Protein backbone atom coordinates (compact mmCIF):
# COMPACT_ATOMS: atom_id res chain seq x y z
CA MET A 1 50.29 -44.58 -90.78
CA PHE A 2 49.69 -45.31 -87.08
CA THR A 3 47.88 -41.98 -86.69
CA LEU A 4 45.69 -42.64 -89.73
CA LEU A 5 44.69 -46.04 -88.38
CA LEU A 6 43.71 -44.50 -85.07
CA LEU A 7 41.60 -41.89 -86.82
CA ALA A 8 39.90 -44.53 -88.92
CA CYS A 9 39.02 -46.57 -85.85
CA ASP A 10 37.69 -43.47 -84.11
CA THR A 11 35.49 -42.60 -87.09
CA ALA A 12 34.06 -46.11 -87.27
CA THR A 13 33.25 -46.04 -83.57
CA SER A 14 31.55 -42.64 -83.65
CA ASP A 15 29.41 -43.61 -86.64
CA ALA A 16 28.10 -46.77 -84.98
CA PRO A 17 24.51 -46.51 -83.71
CA ALA A 18 24.25 -45.93 -79.99
CA GLU A 19 23.03 -48.85 -77.91
CA SER A 20 19.37 -48.44 -77.04
CA VAL A 21 18.64 -47.97 -73.36
CA PHE A 22 14.98 -48.94 -73.81
CA VAL A 23 13.62 -52.38 -72.88
CA PRO A 24 10.47 -52.97 -74.96
CA LEU A 25 7.19 -53.93 -73.33
CA ASP A 26 5.79 -57.33 -74.23
CA GLU A 27 3.00 -57.26 -76.80
CA ARG A 28 0.14 -57.55 -74.32
CA ARG A 29 1.32 -54.77 -72.01
CA LEU A 30 2.10 -52.60 -75.04
CA ALA A 31 -1.42 -53.21 -76.35
CA ARG A 32 -2.74 -52.21 -72.93
CA ARG A 33 -0.76 -48.97 -73.07
CA LEU A 34 -1.95 -48.19 -76.58
CA SER A 35 -5.57 -48.91 -75.71
CA ILE A 36 -5.47 -46.68 -72.64
CA ASP A 37 -3.75 -43.83 -74.47
CA LEU A 38 -6.00 -43.98 -77.52
CA ARG A 39 -9.34 -44.99 -76.01
CA GLY A 40 -9.03 -44.67 -72.25
CA GLU A 41 -10.17 -48.29 -72.10
CA LEU A 42 -8.59 -51.64 -71.26
CA PRO A 43 -8.20 -54.11 -74.14
CA SER A 44 -10.32 -57.23 -74.32
CA ALA A 45 -8.88 -60.74 -74.19
CA ALA A 46 -9.48 -61.04 -77.93
CA GLU A 47 -7.58 -57.82 -78.58
CA LEU A 48 -4.71 -59.03 -76.44
CA GLY A 49 -4.66 -62.13 -78.62
CA VAL A 50 -4.38 -59.99 -81.74
CA ALA A 51 -1.44 -58.13 -80.17
CA ALA A 52 0.61 -61.35 -80.09
CA GLU A 53 0.16 -61.95 -83.83
CA PRO A 54 2.59 -60.62 -86.46
CA GLY A 55 1.57 -57.04 -87.25
CA GLY A 56 -0.99 -57.18 -84.46
CA ILE A 57 0.15 -54.00 -82.68
CA GLU A 58 -0.09 -51.98 -85.88
CA ALA A 59 -3.52 -53.44 -86.65
CA LEU A 60 -4.78 -52.59 -83.16
CA THR A 61 -3.37 -49.08 -83.41
CA GLU A 62 -5.37 -48.42 -86.58
CA ARG A 63 -8.48 -50.03 -85.10
CA TRP A 64 -8.32 -47.89 -81.99
CA LEU A 65 -7.57 -44.68 -83.88
CA ALA A 66 -10.86 -45.29 -85.69
CA ASP A 67 -12.77 -46.22 -82.52
CA PRO A 68 -15.45 -43.66 -81.44
CA SER A 69 -13.88 -43.75 -77.97
CA PHE A 70 -10.72 -42.19 -79.45
CA GLU A 71 -12.49 -38.86 -79.93
CA ASP A 72 -14.03 -38.97 -76.44
CA HIS A 73 -10.76 -39.79 -74.72
CA LEU A 74 -8.68 -37.27 -76.68
CA ALA A 75 -11.17 -34.55 -75.74
CA GLU A 76 -10.76 -35.49 -72.10
CA LEU A 77 -6.96 -35.39 -72.35
CA VAL A 78 -6.94 -32.00 -74.06
CA ALA A 79 -9.39 -30.58 -71.52
CA GLU A 80 -7.01 -31.69 -68.77
CA GLU A 81 -3.96 -30.35 -70.61
CA TRP A 82 -5.60 -26.96 -71.23
CA LEU A 83 -6.92 -26.81 -67.64
CA MET A 84 -10.47 -26.39 -68.90
CA ARG A 85 -12.30 -28.32 -66.20
CA LEU A 86 -12.73 -25.78 -63.44
CA ASP A 87 -15.35 -26.50 -60.80
CA THR A 88 -16.74 -22.97 -61.00
CA LEU A 89 -16.82 -20.44 -63.80
CA ARG A 90 -17.35 -16.70 -63.64
CA ILE A 91 -21.08 -17.03 -64.27
CA ASP A 92 -23.64 -17.64 -61.56
CA THR A 93 -25.60 -20.61 -62.91
CA ALA A 94 -28.78 -19.21 -61.36
CA GLU A 95 -28.62 -16.51 -64.04
CA PHE A 96 -29.45 -19.25 -66.54
CA HIS A 97 -32.17 -20.68 -64.29
CA LEU A 98 -30.18 -23.83 -63.52
CA GLU A 99 -30.57 -25.81 -60.34
CA PRO A 100 -27.64 -25.88 -57.89
CA ASP A 101 -26.88 -29.54 -58.68
CA GLU A 102 -26.51 -28.67 -62.38
CA GLY A 103 -23.30 -26.74 -61.73
CA TYR A 104 -21.08 -29.68 -62.70
CA ALA A 105 -22.89 -30.19 -66.00
CA PHE A 106 -22.68 -26.44 -66.69
CA THR A 107 -18.92 -26.14 -66.13
CA ARG A 108 -18.21 -29.28 -68.16
CA ALA A 109 -20.41 -28.18 -71.07
CA PHE A 110 -18.52 -24.92 -71.54
CA GLY A 111 -15.16 -26.25 -70.37
CA ASP A 112 -15.16 -29.19 -72.77
CA GLU A 113 -16.26 -27.26 -75.86
CA PRO A 114 -12.80 -26.33 -77.25
CA ALA A 115 -11.33 -29.72 -76.33
CA ARG A 116 -14.23 -31.44 -78.08
CA LEU A 117 -13.54 -29.41 -81.22
CA PHE A 118 -9.84 -30.34 -81.04
CA ALA A 119 -10.73 -34.03 -80.78
CA HIS A 120 -13.41 -33.83 -83.48
CA VAL A 121 -11.00 -32.32 -86.01
CA ALA A 122 -8.33 -34.88 -85.11
CA ALA A 123 -10.60 -37.93 -85.09
CA GLY A 124 -12.26 -36.99 -88.38
CA ASP A 125 -8.91 -36.64 -90.18
CA GLN A 126 -9.85 -33.08 -91.08
CA PRO A 127 -6.98 -30.74 -91.97
CA PHE A 128 -5.71 -29.84 -88.53
CA THR A 129 -5.51 -26.15 -89.42
CA LYS A 130 -9.31 -26.25 -89.00
CA LEU A 131 -8.64 -26.21 -85.27
CA VAL A 132 -8.24 -22.45 -85.67
CA THR A 133 -10.07 -21.74 -88.95
CA THR A 134 -13.40 -23.58 -88.92
CA ASP A 135 -16.75 -21.91 -88.32
CA VAL A 136 -18.01 -25.12 -86.67
CA THR A 137 -17.87 -25.93 -82.98
CA MET A 138 -19.07 -28.83 -80.83
CA ALA A 139 -21.97 -28.66 -78.40
CA ASN A 140 -24.08 -30.85 -76.17
CA ASP A 141 -27.75 -30.20 -75.43
CA LEU A 142 -27.05 -27.92 -72.45
CA LEU A 143 -24.63 -25.79 -74.44
CA LEU A 144 -27.12 -25.52 -77.29
CA GLU A 145 -29.72 -24.35 -74.80
CA LEU A 146 -27.56 -21.68 -73.16
CA ALA A 147 -25.19 -20.34 -75.82
CA PRO A 148 -26.01 -18.41 -79.02
CA MET A 149 -25.60 -21.39 -81.36
CA GLU A 150 -27.56 -23.95 -83.33
CA ALA A 151 -26.92 -27.60 -84.18
CA LEU A 152 -25.97 -28.33 -87.78
CA ASP A 153 -28.12 -31.45 -87.60
CA PRO A 154 -31.00 -30.89 -85.17
CA THR A 155 -32.01 -34.55 -85.47
CA SER A 156 -28.65 -35.86 -84.20
CA THR A 157 -28.86 -37.91 -81.00
CA ALA A 158 -25.12 -37.79 -80.34
CA GLU A 159 -24.10 -36.41 -76.95
CA TRP A 160 -21.77 -33.91 -78.65
CA LYS A 161 -22.66 -32.70 -82.13
CA GLU A 162 -21.50 -30.13 -84.64
CA ALA A 163 -22.93 -26.65 -84.13
CA ARG A 164 -22.45 -23.12 -85.37
CA TYR A 165 -22.63 -19.82 -83.51
CA THR A 166 -25.30 -17.35 -84.58
CA ASP A 167 -23.90 -14.10 -83.18
CA GLY A 168 -21.54 -13.11 -85.99
CA ARG A 169 -18.25 -14.35 -84.58
CA PRO A 170 -15.46 -15.16 -87.06
CA ALA A 171 -14.44 -18.63 -88.23
CA ASN A 172 -11.50 -18.99 -85.87
CA GLY A 173 -12.08 -22.50 -84.57
CA VAL A 174 -11.29 -22.92 -80.86
CA LEU A 175 -10.39 -19.22 -80.72
CA ALA A 176 -14.05 -18.43 -81.39
CA THR A 177 -15.50 -20.71 -78.71
CA SER A 178 -17.32 -19.29 -75.73
CA GLY A 179 -15.94 -22.14 -73.66
CA LEU A 180 -12.30 -21.12 -74.07
CA TRP A 181 -12.86 -17.47 -73.19
CA LEU A 182 -15.29 -18.17 -70.36
CA ARG A 183 -12.57 -20.32 -68.80
CA TYR A 184 -9.83 -17.79 -69.58
CA HIS A 185 -11.88 -14.70 -68.93
CA THR A 186 -10.65 -11.12 -68.87
CA THR A 187 -11.53 -8.37 -66.47
CA ILE A 188 -12.74 -5.19 -68.09
CA PHE A 189 -9.41 -3.46 -67.48
CA ASN A 190 -7.12 -6.35 -68.41
CA TYR A 191 -8.23 -5.81 -72.01
CA ASN A 192 -7.78 -9.45 -73.12
CA ARG A 193 -4.07 -9.52 -72.26
CA GLY A 194 -4.45 -12.69 -70.23
CA ARG A 195 -6.37 -14.24 -73.09
CA ALA A 196 -3.66 -13.31 -75.59
CA SER A 197 -1.09 -14.92 -73.31
CA THR A 198 -3.27 -18.05 -73.14
CA LEU A 199 -3.56 -18.20 -76.93
CA ALA A 200 0.23 -18.09 -77.26
CA ARG A 201 0.76 -20.72 -74.56
CA LEU A 202 -1.83 -23.25 -75.71
CA LEU A 203 -1.34 -23.06 -79.46
CA LEU A 204 2.23 -21.81 -79.95
CA CYS A 205 3.96 -23.05 -76.77
CA TYR A 206 5.07 -19.45 -76.29
CA ASP A 207 4.90 -18.37 -72.66
CA PHE A 208 4.82 -14.60 -72.21
CA PRO A 209 5.19 -14.70 -68.38
CA ALA A 210 8.27 -16.93 -68.71
CA ARG A 211 10.20 -14.39 -70.79
CA PRO A 212 13.29 -13.13 -68.94
CA VAL A 213 12.94 -9.36 -68.62
CA LEU A 214 14.41 -6.75 -66.28
CA PHE A 215 12.22 -4.19 -64.54
CA LYS A 216 12.99 -0.94 -62.82
CA ASP A 217 10.76 0.15 -59.97
CA ILE A 218 7.61 1.80 -61.31
CA GLN A 219 7.05 4.90 -59.25
CA ASP A 220 3.50 5.62 -60.34
CA GLU A 221 1.31 2.54 -59.78
CA SER A 222 -1.94 4.29 -60.66
CA THR A 223 -3.91 3.09 -63.67
CA ALA A 224 -2.51 5.96 -65.74
CA GLY A 225 1.03 5.32 -64.47
CA LEU A 226 0.93 1.64 -65.31
CA ALA A 227 -0.52 2.38 -68.74
CA ALA A 228 2.36 4.78 -69.39
CA ALA A 229 4.96 2.26 -68.21
CA ILE A 230 3.72 -0.29 -70.72
CA THR A 231 4.82 2.01 -73.55
CA THR A 232 7.94 3.53 -71.97
CA GLU A 233 9.55 1.02 -69.59
CA PRO A 234 11.80 -1.38 -71.57
CA GLY A 235 10.98 -4.30 -69.29
CA CYS A 236 7.28 -3.79 -69.96
CA ILE A 237 7.71 -3.15 -73.67
CA ALA A 238 9.54 -6.48 -74.07
CA CYS A 239 6.25 -8.32 -73.64
CA HIS A 240 3.56 -5.75 -74.28
CA ALA A 241 4.86 -4.79 -77.73
CA SER A 242 3.60 -8.19 -78.90
CA LEU A 243 1.01 -8.93 -76.22
CA ASP A 244 -1.16 -5.83 -76.52
CA PRO A 245 -1.61 -5.97 -80.31
CA LEU A 246 -2.48 -9.67 -79.99
CA ALA A 247 -4.98 -8.86 -77.25
CA GLY A 248 -6.53 -6.32 -79.60
CA THR A 249 -7.55 -9.09 -82.00
CA LEU A 250 -9.88 -10.57 -79.35
CA PHE A 251 -12.06 -7.56 -78.53
CA GLY A 252 -15.17 -9.12 -80.01
CA PHE A 253 -15.15 -11.18 -76.80
CA TRP A 254 -14.40 -8.25 -74.49
CA PRO A 255 -17.28 -7.97 -72.00
CA GLY A 256 -18.79 -4.58 -71.25
CA GLU A 257 -19.83 -6.09 -67.90
CA ASP A 258 -17.64 -8.89 -66.61
CA LEU A 259 -20.23 -10.43 -64.28
CA ASP A 260 -23.01 -10.58 -66.85
CA GLY A 261 -23.45 -14.12 -68.14
CA ARG A 262 -24.71 -13.12 -71.57
CA GLU A 263 -21.75 -10.76 -71.98
CA LEU A 264 -19.32 -13.49 -70.98
CA ILE A 265 -20.55 -16.11 -73.46
CA GLY A 266 -21.50 -13.81 -76.34
CA TYR A 267 -19.60 -12.21 -79.20
CA PHE A 268 -19.96 -8.56 -80.20
CA PRO A 269 -18.68 -7.74 -83.71
CA GLU A 270 -19.12 -4.03 -83.07
CA ARG A 271 -16.38 -4.17 -80.39
CA GLU A 272 -13.72 -5.76 -82.61
CA GLN A 273 -11.93 -2.44 -83.21
CA LEU A 274 -11.96 -1.18 -79.61
CA GLY A 275 -8.55 -2.58 -78.70
CA GLU A 276 -6.46 0.31 -79.98
CA SER A 277 -8.57 2.90 -78.16
CA PHE A 278 -8.05 1.10 -74.84
CA THR A 279 -4.45 -0.13 -75.09
CA GLY A 280 -3.02 2.28 -77.64
CA ALA A 281 -1.86 -0.67 -79.75
CA ALA A 282 -3.38 -1.48 -83.13
CA PRO A 283 -4.45 -5.14 -83.47
CA ALA A 284 -1.61 -7.20 -84.89
CA TYR A 285 -0.11 -10.68 -84.82
CA TRP A 286 3.61 -10.40 -84.06
CA GLY A 287 4.00 -7.46 -86.40
CA THR A 288 1.37 -8.44 -88.98
CA PRO A 289 -1.54 -5.97 -88.86
CA VAL A 290 -4.93 -7.57 -88.19
CA LEU A 291 -7.63 -5.51 -89.84
CA ALA A 292 -10.44 -7.98 -89.11
CA ALA A 293 -10.83 -10.59 -86.38
CA SER A 294 -11.33 -13.26 -89.05
CA GLN A 295 -7.61 -12.98 -89.90
CA LEU A 296 -6.50 -14.31 -86.51
CA GLY A 297 -7.16 -18.03 -87.05
CA PRO A 298 -5.38 -18.23 -90.42
CA LEU A 299 -2.41 -16.36 -88.95
CA VAL A 300 -2.13 -18.92 -86.15
CA ALA A 301 -2.51 -21.77 -88.65
CA GLY A 302 0.30 -20.33 -90.77
CA ASP A 303 2.62 -19.71 -87.82
CA PRO A 304 5.52 -22.22 -87.90
CA ARG A 305 5.28 -22.45 -84.10
CA PHE A 306 1.78 -23.93 -84.31
CA PRO A 307 2.62 -27.39 -85.72
CA VAL A 308 5.72 -27.61 -83.53
CA CYS A 309 3.62 -26.87 -80.46
CA MET A 310 0.99 -29.43 -81.38
CA ALA A 311 3.71 -32.06 -81.90
CA ARG A 312 5.40 -31.11 -78.63
CA ARG A 313 2.21 -31.37 -76.60
CA ALA A 314 1.39 -34.76 -78.14
CA THR A 315 4.92 -35.96 -77.33
CA GLU A 316 4.59 -34.86 -73.71
CA ARG A 317 1.21 -36.49 -73.39
CA LEU A 318 2.34 -39.86 -74.77
CA LEU A 319 5.71 -39.95 -73.01
CA ASP A 320 4.21 -38.72 -69.73
CA ARG A 321 6.88 -36.09 -69.16
CA PRO A 322 7.91 -32.56 -70.15
CA THR A 323 10.07 -32.22 -73.24
CA ASP A 324 13.32 -30.30 -73.50
CA ASP A 325 15.98 -29.55 -76.10
CA GLY A 326 17.05 -33.20 -76.01
CA ASP A 327 13.69 -34.13 -77.52
CA ASN A 328 13.86 -31.77 -80.47
CA VAL A 329 14.75 -34.50 -82.99
CA LEU A 330 11.64 -36.45 -81.99
CA VAL A 331 9.39 -33.39 -81.73
CA TYR A 332 10.41 -31.93 -85.09
CA ALA A 333 10.08 -35.30 -86.81
CA ALA A 334 6.54 -35.50 -85.41
CA ARG A 335 5.98 -31.93 -86.65
CA ASP A 336 7.04 -33.04 -90.13
CA GLU A 337 4.45 -35.83 -90.00
CA LEU A 338 1.78 -33.26 -89.18
CA VAL A 339 2.57 -30.70 -91.86
CA ALA A 340 3.00 -33.35 -94.57
CA ASP A 341 -0.77 -33.85 -94.79
CA TRP A 342 -2.10 -31.92 -91.77
CA LYS A 343 -3.57 -35.07 -90.20
CA TYR A 344 -3.19 -35.12 -86.41
CA LYS A 345 -3.33 -38.91 -86.27
CA ASP A 346 -0.07 -39.02 -88.25
CA VAL A 347 1.66 -37.34 -85.31
CA LEU A 348 0.29 -40.01 -82.99
CA ARG A 349 1.26 -42.87 -85.30
CA TYR A 350 4.83 -41.62 -85.40
CA LEU A 351 5.14 -41.16 -81.65
CA LEU A 352 3.42 -44.46 -80.82
CA ALA A 353 6.08 -46.29 -82.84
CA SER A 354 9.00 -44.59 -81.07
CA PRO A 355 11.31 -46.74 -78.88
CA GLU A 356 10.71 -44.61 -75.79
CA TYR A 357 6.94 -44.90 -76.09
CA ARG A 358 7.16 -48.69 -76.38
CA ALA A 359 9.64 -49.11 -73.52
CA GLY A 360 8.70 -50.72 -70.23
CA ALA A 361 12.07 -50.28 -68.55
CA LEU A 362 15.59 -48.94 -69.05
CA THR A 363 18.74 -51.02 -69.35
CA ALA A 364 21.73 -50.83 -67.02
CA ALA A 365 23.41 -48.69 -69.69
CA ALA A 366 20.99 -45.79 -69.04
CA SER A 367 22.63 -42.67 -67.65
CA ASP A 368 21.56 -40.98 -64.44
CA GLU A 369 20.04 -38.23 -66.57
CA GLU A 370 17.99 -40.74 -68.56
CA LEU A 371 16.86 -42.50 -65.40
CA GLU A 372 15.69 -39.17 -64.00
CA ARG A 373 14.09 -37.93 -67.21
CA VAL A 374 12.32 -40.93 -68.75
CA HIS A 375 9.14 -42.50 -67.37
CA PRO A 376 9.08 -46.12 -68.61
CA MET A 377 5.77 -46.68 -66.86
CA ARG A 378 2.90 -44.26 -67.42
CA ARG A 379 0.65 -43.25 -64.54
CA MET A 380 -3.08 -42.81 -65.03
CA THR A 381 -4.55 -39.39 -64.37
CA PRO A 382 -7.76 -39.44 -62.30
CA ASN A 383 -9.92 -39.13 -65.42
CA THR A 384 -8.06 -41.91 -67.23
CA LEU A 385 -8.28 -44.09 -64.13
CA ALA A 386 -12.03 -43.52 -63.98
CA ARG A 387 -12.42 -44.46 -67.67
CA ALA A 388 -10.24 -47.57 -67.30
CA VAL A 389 -12.20 -48.80 -64.29
CA GLU A 390 -15.48 -48.11 -66.06
CA SER A 391 -14.36 -50.01 -69.17
CA LEU A 392 -13.49 -53.01 -67.01
CA THR A 393 -16.34 -53.02 -64.51
CA GLY A 394 -19.04 -50.69 -65.81
CA PHE A 395 -18.76 -48.66 -62.61
CA ARG A 396 -18.48 -44.85 -62.60
CA TRP A 397 -18.02 -43.10 -59.27
CA VAL A 398 -20.68 -40.36 -59.28
CA TYR A 399 -22.14 -38.47 -56.32
CA GLU A 400 -24.78 -35.74 -56.51
CA LYS A 401 -24.38 -35.63 -60.33
CA SER A 402 -20.61 -34.95 -59.98
CA ASP A 403 -17.89 -37.31 -61.16
CA MET A 404 -15.81 -37.98 -58.05
CA LEU A 405 -12.53 -38.17 -59.99
CA ASP A 406 -13.27 -35.11 -62.12
CA SER A 407 -14.32 -32.63 -59.45
CA ASP A 408 -13.08 -31.07 -56.24
CA LEU A 409 -16.21 -29.37 -54.92
CA LEU A 410 -17.74 -32.74 -54.12
CA GLY A 411 -15.10 -35.06 -55.53
CA LEU A 412 -11.54 -36.21 -54.96
CA ARG A 413 -9.71 -35.12 -58.12
CA SER A 414 -6.85 -33.22 -56.48
CA LEU A 415 -6.48 -35.85 -53.76
CA ALA A 416 -6.08 -38.41 -56.54
CA GLY A 417 -3.28 -36.35 -58.10
CA GLY A 418 -5.29 -34.36 -60.63
CA ALA A 419 -5.20 -30.63 -61.38
CA ASP A 420 -8.17 -28.39 -60.63
CA GLY A 421 -6.89 -25.71 -63.03
CA GLU A 422 -6.64 -22.99 -60.40
CA THR A 423 -4.77 -23.87 -57.20
CA VAL A 424 -3.31 -27.06 -58.71
CA ARG A 425 -2.18 -26.54 -62.28
CA ARG A 426 -0.20 -29.71 -62.93
CA PRO A 427 -1.07 -33.32 -62.07
CA TYR A 428 1.07 -35.06 -59.46
CA LEU A 429 0.61 -38.78 -60.03
CA ASP A 430 3.15 -40.35 -57.71
CA PRO A 431 1.63 -42.74 -55.13
CA THR A 432 1.00 -40.27 -52.31
CA ALA A 433 -1.05 -41.28 -49.28
CA SER A 434 -4.12 -39.42 -50.56
CA ARG A 435 -3.90 -40.89 -54.07
CA THR A 436 -3.43 -44.39 -52.66
CA LEU A 437 -6.51 -43.96 -50.47
CA VAL A 438 -8.62 -42.72 -53.40
CA VAL A 439 -7.51 -45.67 -55.55
CA ARG A 440 -8.41 -48.04 -52.72
CA ARG A 441 -11.90 -46.57 -52.27
CA LEU A 442 -12.49 -46.62 -56.03
CA ALA A 443 -11.36 -50.25 -56.23
CA GLN A 444 -13.61 -51.27 -53.36
CA ALA A 445 -16.67 -49.55 -54.82
CA ALA A 446 -16.08 -50.83 -58.37
CA SER A 447 -15.34 -54.42 -57.33
CA GLY A 448 -18.44 -54.72 -55.17
CA TRP A 449 -20.56 -53.23 -57.92
CA VAL A 450 -19.29 -55.48 -60.73
CA VAL A 451 -19.59 -58.68 -58.69
CA ARG A 452 -23.20 -57.93 -57.78
CA ALA A 453 -24.02 -56.90 -61.36
CA ASP A 454 -22.29 -59.84 -63.05
CA LEU A 455 -23.68 -62.53 -60.76
CA ALA A 456 -27.20 -61.35 -61.63
CA LEU A 457 -26.56 -62.00 -65.36
CA GLU A 458 -26.11 -65.02 -67.57
CA ALA A 459 -22.44 -65.97 -68.01
CA SER A 460 -22.44 -64.79 -71.66
CA ASP A 461 -23.57 -61.31 -70.63
CA ARG A 462 -21.14 -60.77 -67.76
CA ARG A 463 -18.55 -58.03 -67.97
CA LEU A 464 -15.79 -59.35 -65.70
CA VAL A 465 -16.64 -61.90 -63.00
CA GLY A 466 -17.94 -65.39 -63.77
CA ARG A 467 -17.18 -65.48 -67.47
CA THR A 468 -15.49 -68.90 -67.30
CA VAL A 469 -17.89 -70.71 -64.94
CA GLU A 470 -21.63 -70.50 -64.55
CA ASP A 471 -21.53 -69.77 -60.81
CA PRO A 472 -18.12 -68.69 -59.47
CA THR A 473 -19.46 -68.61 -55.91
CA LEU A 474 -19.63 -72.43 -55.97
CA VAL A 475 -16.06 -72.93 -57.20
CA GLU A 476 -13.54 -74.17 -54.65
CA PRO A 477 -10.23 -72.27 -54.42
CA ASP A 478 -8.17 -75.45 -54.99
CA SER A 479 -9.85 -76.24 -58.30
CA ALA A 480 -8.75 -75.72 -61.88
CA GLU A 481 -11.94 -73.71 -62.44
CA PHE A 482 -10.90 -71.25 -59.71
CA ASP A 483 -7.44 -70.81 -61.23
CA ARG A 484 -8.97 -70.29 -64.67
CA GLU A 485 -11.33 -67.60 -63.34
CA LEU A 486 -8.46 -65.93 -61.50
CA ALA A 487 -6.31 -65.97 -64.62
CA GLY A 488 -9.11 -64.35 -66.61
CA LEU A 489 -9.47 -61.56 -64.06
CA ALA A 490 -5.72 -60.86 -64.09
CA LEU A 491 -5.59 -60.84 -67.88
CA ALA A 492 -8.52 -58.40 -68.07
CA ALA A 493 -7.15 -56.05 -65.40
CA LEU A 494 -3.38 -56.31 -65.87
CA ALA A 495 -2.87 -57.86 -69.33
CA LYS A 496 -0.54 -60.46 -67.91
CA ASP A 497 -0.39 -63.99 -66.54
CA LEU A 498 -0.12 -64.46 -62.80
CA ASP A 499 2.95 -66.27 -61.53
CA PRO A 500 2.45 -69.16 -59.06
CA ALA A 501 3.22 -66.99 -56.03
CA GLU A 502 0.66 -64.38 -57.07
CA THR A 503 -1.96 -67.04 -57.71
CA GLU A 504 -1.39 -68.61 -54.30
CA ALA A 505 -1.54 -65.23 -52.54
CA LEU A 506 -4.90 -64.43 -54.13
CA ARG A 507 -6.15 -67.94 -53.37
CA GLU A 508 -5.29 -67.46 -49.69
CA LEU A 509 -6.96 -64.05 -49.69
CA TYR A 510 -10.12 -65.59 -51.14
CA ARG A 511 -10.11 -68.29 -48.44
CA ALA A 512 -9.63 -65.76 -45.64
CA VAL A 513 -12.50 -63.53 -46.75
CA ARG A 514 -14.81 -66.43 -47.47
CA ALA A 515 -14.21 -67.76 -43.96
CA GLU A 516 -15.52 -64.47 -42.56
CA SER A 517 -18.17 -63.66 -45.20
CA ASP A 518 -19.53 -65.23 -48.40
CA ALA A 519 -18.10 -66.16 -51.78
CA ALA A 520 -19.39 -63.02 -53.52
CA GLU A 521 -17.57 -60.84 -50.99
CA ALA A 522 -14.44 -62.95 -51.46
CA TRP A 523 -14.51 -62.45 -55.23
CA ALA A 524 -15.11 -58.72 -54.75
CA THR A 525 -12.03 -58.58 -52.50
CA VAL A 526 -9.90 -60.34 -55.12
CA VAL A 527 -11.04 -57.91 -57.81
CA SER A 528 -10.41 -54.98 -55.47
CA VAL A 529 -6.83 -56.12 -54.88
CA LEU A 530 -6.22 -56.36 -58.63
CA LEU A 531 -7.57 -52.83 -59.14
CA ARG A 532 -5.30 -51.48 -56.40
CA ASP A 533 -2.24 -53.20 -57.84
CA PRO A 534 0.31 -50.64 -59.13
CA GLU A 535 0.36 -52.65 -62.37
CA PHE A 536 -3.28 -51.65 -62.84
CA TRP A 537 -2.99 -47.88 -62.40
CA THR A 538 0.31 -47.75 -64.27
CA TYR A 539 0.61 -48.83 -67.87
């Protein structure tokens, strides 16, 4: 009897739900996180008010999923994730008669194309399998001018609009975009192998180079010797048995001349069957023969790894960390949401409601592993930081037609912790000296700009400064009007109320600057300090 009682107690204990280690964010900071993740923008005071109401978070989530900025921001996130925003592509822009200062616009037009299609399918609640099966792409005016495509609606004034290629390429969605394969180009003698590896990594989360294989020394390193090793050396066969047939499905994009711009952005249906003659492997998709290039997209869409990969990437993006086996319950539940109706937003809705996403801290019960693994506070990437600052102040840091936080040739992207896609392939967003300096310079430029702009407008038209008083430069720092203006700035930037110590510190800062300069400069300094606050660039 004693033994049975012990077993019963043990069973009851093991069946009890584990104590959550997540401390939820308050409604306003959670709304700020949702707004940044879904729109790349800071919420308004009115939206923060909605967040505090019953059901307000859910209402805001639906509102922001339907916001036009959702599509724009998702495209930006996917372009970052897929490392699409290189500063230079394989084509010399002079070949297309572009001016040197149009290089940034050129690389972003082609680099953003597949990400724009991803976001367009997701935002429009189209079946997400269209990502790899539609004959439609997205294009801006420059892309329409340079690439073999035409707009579906020539009268559209949208910056990015639906378009269709005119060179006979198959309806394979992002796999048929010039932008993807210009970014992930192939040399003539690589025969699309790198592209096949990219396809598997981006859409299936299958990494060919990461496969553990054993190699013997290859004695003959000539072209013929290496070609022979691919079909005879077990270590080579382990990858190439799948990689080469997959590469063979992409030969419509294989360039006869890999420095010719028209070759690199065009599609050539007559080359679709050349793969086997070059690699010795008939086109196939993991054992399924591919007799026509148009079969590739549907095969990817029907691959069970595809929805899992899309759910995994969304999970990593929203939780701001890599996933591992410990996340499989969450990832596969998100996968189930996707395949139920093939709506990408359903994946986001599920993840946005998860306890980890909504957490702002961990409890004392969290293990060392959880403390190391979980990021309760998200960190803005350079692009997200630029969008957040612009939504608050209207300022965008541009120099010589290049976005300073989205470029390295003229800009500061890598210094701010971003990835250039070549030498830096993963963002590093911890507060390094270089990132801190970039944030400071951005804050100084944006704060000076918004103060000058706002003080030139009527109070009802102002974006940030002087919305509570007609002329904030005449308000004394010991007045209730000053405190009200300060509180409004903090709510707009940080989605929180200042405590008395913070209010007094900013008041003293204002006094010190005003003693040396004027009131406009003092307000600009206060705004700059708020924008440099870690609570601004984390969320």
